[in-house]
Amino acid sequence: MGIRKYKPTTPGRRGSSVADFVEITRDEPEKSLVRPLSKKGGRNNS
């Protein structure tokens, strides 16, 4: 697991670093843990 360091483009980014979770994460979520999101675009259509 590496460390991602940011270039100081703003004062808040100067010296900041975060852990890189590439080895322990997957590209897509676990299918049994997600449920579909109902669309709420129209009026009175929930």
Protein backbone atom coordinates (compact mmCIF):
# COMPACT_ATOMS: atom_id res chain seq x y z
CA MET A 1 0.00 0.00 0.00
CA GLY A 2 1.61 3.21 -1.16
CA ILE A 3 1.27 6.84 -0.16
CA ARG A 4 -0.11 9.40 -2.58
CA LYS A 5 1.61 12.79 -2.27
CA TYR A 6 0.06 15.91 -3.76
CA LYS A 7 1.84 18.75 -5.48
CA PRO A 8 1.41 22.09 -3.69
CA THR A 9 -1.09 23.65 -6.11
CA THR A 10 -2.91 25.39 -3.22
CA PRO A 11 -1.83 26.18 0.35
CA GLY A 12 -4.15 23.47 1.65
CA ARG A 13 -2.53 20.82 -0.54
CA ARG A 14 1.00 21.70 0.53
CA GLY A 15 2.52 18.78 2.42
CA SER A 16 -0.64 16.67 2.28
CA SER A 17 -0.53 12.94 1.63
CA VAL A 18 -3.08 10.13 1.78
CA ALA A 19 -2.88 6.35 1.78
CA ASP A 20 -3.34 4.65 -1.58
CA PHE A 21 -5.88 1.80 -1.29
CA VAL A 22 -5.24 0.24 -4.71
CA GLU A 23 -4.29 -3.20 -3.41
CA ILE A 24 -7.23 -3.60 -1.02
CA THR A 25 -10.12 -2.14 -3.03
CA ARG A 26 -12.07 -3.46 -6.01
CA ASP A 27 -13.26 -1.59 -9.08
CA GLU A 28 -16.93 -2.48 -8.60
CA PRO A 29 -18.92 -2.82 -5.36
CA GLU A 30 -20.17 -6.09 -3.91
CA LYS A 31 -23.45 -6.96 -5.62
CA SER A 32 -25.20 -8.22 -2.48
CA LEU A 33 -24.52 -4.97 -0.60
CA VAL A 34 -26.00 -2.51 -3.09
CA ARG A 35 -29.60 -1.90 -4.10
CA PRO A 36 -30.94 0.04 -7.09
CA LEU A 37 -31.59 3.75 -6.76
CA SER A 38 -35.12 4.78 -7.74
CA LYS A 39 -35.28 7.67 -10.19
CA LYS A 40 -37.05 10.78 -8.89
CA GLY A 41 -37.01 13.04 -11.92
CA GLY A 42 -40.70 13.77 -12.54
CA ARG A 43 -43.32 15.45 -10.41
CA ASN A 44 -45.43 13.23 -8.15
CA ASN A 45 -43.50 10.22 -9.35
CA SER A 46 -41.65 8.80 -6.38
